[in-house]
Amino acid sequence: IRNEIKDPRIHPMTSVMAVEVAPDLKTCKAYISVFGSKEAKEDTIKGLSSAEGYIRRQLARNLNLRNTPEIRFILDESIEYGVNMSKLIDDVAKKDASGRETEE
């Protein structure tokens, strides 16, 4: 589907991180990660939302379900959050190590 959607708003570094389907199979949440600026992330979600009908038709061809679920695209910032936390931990570890060196 990535190569078939021609919307220029969809950033090329876009990944589906997880999909949660409701028990009644009528709706699903697709958690999307975008590597780029805040504007690129917002544009990608808008582009995917406008292409939802096309994506649902493609899913209907591949899934054997009576109804294809409505898709809600949600921006997943967990990777970015994890990277920022890792940087903070590294900074604290460096400060701690340099503090120990000055004490000696």
C-alpha atoms as a PDB file:
ATOM      1  CA  ILE A   1       0.000   0.000   0.000  1.00  0.00           C
ATOM      2  CA  ARG A   2       2.919   2.354   0.759  1.00  0.00           C
ATOM      3  CA  ASN A   3       3.890   2.535  -2.913  1.00  0.00           C
ATOM      4  CA  GLU A   4       0.299   2.846  -4.104  1.00  0.00           C
ATOM      5  CA  ILE A   5      -0.761   5.899  -2.085  1.00  0.00           C
ATOM      6  CA  LYS A   6       0.337   8.966  -4.014  1.00  0.00           C
ATOM      7  CA  ASP A   7      -0.487  11.616  -1.388  1.00  0.00           C
ATOM      8  CA  PRO A   8       2.582  13.886  -1.068  1.00  0.00           C
ATOM      9  CA  ARG A   9       1.677  14.678   2.548  1.00  0.00           C
ATOM     10  CA  ILE A  10       2.616  11.153   3.640  1.00  0.00           C
ATOM     11  CA  HIS A  11       6.243  11.181   4.760  1.00  0.00           C
ATOM     12  CA  PRO A  12       8.406   8.375   3.296  1.00  0.00           C
ATOM     13  CA  MET A  13       9.707   7.441   6.769  1.00  0.00           C
ATOM     14  CA  THR A  14       6.310   6.329   8.091  1.00  0.00           C
ATOM     15  CA  SER A  15       5.757   3.069   9.957  1.00  0.00           C
ATOM     16  CA  VAL A  16       2.756   1.322  11.443  1.00  0.00           C
ATOM     17  CA  MET A  17       3.791   0.522  15.008  1.00  0.00           C
ATOM     18  CA  ALA A  18       0.663  -1.272  16.212  1.00  0.00           C
ATOM     19  CA  VAL A  19      -2.974  -1.836  15.337  1.00  0.00           C
ATOM     20  CA  GLU A  20      -5.742  -2.376  17.880  1.00  0.00           C
ATOM     21  CA  VAL A  21      -8.993  -3.787  16.547  1.00  0.00           C
ATOM     22  CA  ALA A  22     -12.229  -3.351  18.511  1.00  0.00           C
ATOM     23  CA  PRO A  23     -13.926  -6.576  19.642  1.00  0.00           C
ATOM     24  CA  ASP A  24     -16.844  -5.951  17.263  1.00  0.00           C
ATOM     25  CA  LEU A  25     -14.364  -5.520  14.347  1.00  0.00           C
ATOM     26  CA  LYS A  26     -16.015  -2.247  13.296  1.00  0.00           C
ATOM     27  CA  THR A  27     -13.165   0.093  14.186  1.00  0.00           C
ATOM     28  CA  CYS A  28      -9.432  -0.062  14.630  1.00  0.00           C
ATOM     29  CA  LYS A  29      -6.690   2.254  15.790  1.00  0.00           C
ATOM     30  CA  ALA A  30      -3.500   2.309  13.747  1.00  0.00           C
ATOM     31  CA  TYR A  31      -0.570   3.771  15.674  1.00  0.00           C
ATOM     32  CA  ILE A  32       1.730   5.539  13.223  1.00  0.00           C
ATOM     33  CA  SER A  33       5.335   6.614  13.748  1.00  0.00           C
ATOM     34  CA  VAL A  34       6.806   9.293  11.499  1.00  0.00           C
ATOM     35  CA  PHE A  35      10.477  10.241  11.427  1.00  0.00           C
ATOM     36  CA  GLY A  36      10.406  13.953  10.731  1.00  0.00           C
ATOM     37  CA  SER A  37       9.283  17.365  11.919  1.00  0.00           C
ATOM     38  CA  LYS A  38       6.068  18.053  13.801  1.00  0.00           C
ATOM     39  CA  GLU A  39       4.577  19.443  10.595  1.00  0.00           C
ATOM     40  CA  ALA A  40       5.538  16.288   8.659  1.00  0.00           C
ATOM     41  CA  LYS A  41       3.883  14.151  11.334  1.00  0.00           C
ATOM     42  CA  GLU A  42       0.655  16.161  11.222  1.00  0.00           C
ATOM     43  CA  ASP A  43       0.615  16.141   7.412  1.00  0.00           C
ATOM     44  CA  THR A  44       1.182  12.375   7.337  1.00  0.00           C
ATOM     45  CA  ILE A  45      -1.764  11.728   9.661  1.00  0.00           C
ATOM     46  CA  LYS A  46      -3.951  14.002   7.503  1.00  0.00           C
ATOM     47  CA  GLY A  47      -2.795  12.233   4.334  1.00  0.00           C
ATOM     48  CA  LEU A  48      -3.452   8.785   5.773  1.00  0.00           C
ATOM     49  CA  SER A  49      -6.865   9.874   7.036  1.00  0.00           C
ATOM     50  CA  SER A  50      -7.816  11.114   3.574  1.00  0.00           C
ATOM     51  CA  ALA A  51      -6.625   7.803   2.071  1.00  0.00           C
ATOM     52  CA  GLU A  52      -8.593   5.722   4.595  1.00  0.00           C
ATOM     53  CA  GLY A  53     -11.207   4.668   2.030  1.00  0.00           C
ATOM     54  CA  TYR A  54      -8.557   3.372  -0.343  1.00  0.00           C
ATOM     55  CA  ILE A  55      -6.720   1.567   2.465  1.00  0.00           C
ATOM     56  CA  ARG A  56      -9.978  -0.031   3.644  1.00  0.00           C
ATOM     57  CA  ARG A  57     -10.707  -1.283   0.115  1.00  0.00           C
ATOM     58  CA  GLN A  58      -7.237  -2.829  -0.087  1.00  0.00           C
ATOM     59  CA  LEU A  59      -7.731  -4.483   3.303  1.00  0.00           C
ATOM     60  CA  ALA A  60     -11.147  -5.792   2.239  1.00  0.00           C
ATOM     61  CA  ARG A  61      -9.517  -7.553  -0.711  1.00  0.00           C
ATOM     62  CA  ASN A  62      -7.068  -9.329   1.608  1.00  0.00           C
ATOM     63  CA  LEU A  63      -9.250  -9.999   4.667  1.00  0.00           C
ATOM     64  CA  ASN A  64     -12.114 -12.417   4.833  1.00  0.00           C
ATOM     65  CA  LEU A  65     -14.430 -10.272   6.963  1.00  0.00           C
ATOM     66  CA  ARG A  66     -18.023  -9.232   6.502  1.00  0.00           C
ATOM     67  CA  ASN A  67     -17.147  -5.612   7.278  1.00  0.00           C
ATOM     68  CA  THR A  68     -13.811  -3.878   6.995  1.00  0.00           C
ATOM     69  CA  PRO A  69     -13.088  -1.818  10.117  1.00  0.00           C
ATOM     70  CA  GLU A  70     -12.962   1.963  10.071  1.00  0.00           C
ATOM     71  CA  ILE A  71      -9.384   3.063  10.635  1.00  0.00           C
ATOM     72  CA  ARG A  72      -8.343   5.844  12.993  1.00  0.00           C
ATOM     73  CA  PHE A  73      -4.745   6.917  12.547  1.00  0.00           C
ATOM     74  CA  ILE A  74      -3.025   7.948  15.771  1.00  0.00           C
ATOM     75  CA  LEU A  75       0.448   9.430  15.989  1.00  0.00           C
ATOM     76  CA  ASP A  76       2.725   7.196  18.080  1.00  0.00           C
ATOM     77  CA  GLU A  77       5.517   9.188  19.687  1.00  0.00           C
ATOM     78  CA  SER A  78       6.811   6.366  21.898  1.00  0.00           C
ATOM     79  CA  ILE A  79      10.020   5.865  19.895  1.00  0.00           C
ATOM     80  CA  GLU A  80      10.854   9.568  20.025  1.00  0.00           C
ATOM     81  CA  TYR A  81      10.069   9.606  23.753  1.00  0.00           C
ATOM     82  CA  GLY A  82      12.333   6.598  24.297  1.00  0.00           C
ATOM     83  CA  VAL A  83      15.191   8.212  22.374  1.00  0.00           C
ATOM     84  CA  ASN A  84      14.858  11.403  24.424  1.00  0.00           C
ATOM     85  CA  MET A  85      14.824   9.436  27.689  1.00  0.00           C
ATOM     86  CA  SER A  86      17.910   7.522  26.579  1.00  0.00           C
ATOM     87  CA  LYS A  87      19.714  10.805  25.835  1.00  0.00           C
ATOM     88  CA  LEU A  88      18.789  12.156  29.271  1.00  0.00           C
ATOM     89  CA  ILE A  89      20.088   9.015  30.967  1.00  0.00           C
ATOM     90  CA  ASP A  90      23.329   9.209  28.970  1.00  0.00           C
ATOM     91  CA  ASP A  91      23.773  12.879  29.938  1.00  0.00           C
ATOM     92  CA  VAL A  92      23.283  12.090  33.629  1.00  0.00           C
ATOM     93  CA  ALA A  93      25.712   9.171  33.401  1.00  0.00           C
ATOM     94  CA  LYS A  94      28.362  11.401  31.751  1.00  0.00           C
ATOM     95  CA  LYS A  95      27.934  14.102  34.403  1.00  0.00           C
ATOM     96  CA  ASP A  96      28.158  11.492  37.138  1.00  0.00           C
ATOM     97  CA  ALA A  97      31.331  10.007  35.621  1.00  0.00           C
ATOM     98  CA  SER A  98      32.973  13.435  35.214  1.00  0.00           C
ATOM     99  CA  GLY A  99      32.000  14.312  38.805  1.00  0.00           C
ATOM    100  CA  ARG A 100      33.749  11.199  40.076  1.00  0.00           C
ATOM    101  CA  GLU A 101      36.895  12.033  38.096  1.00  0.00           C
ATOM    102  CA  THR A 102      37.146  15.521  39.625  1.00  0.00           C
ATOM    103  CA  GLU A 103      36.786  14.080  43.149  1.00  0.00           C
ATOM    104  CA  GLU A 104      39.809  11.831  42.628  1.00  0.00           C
END
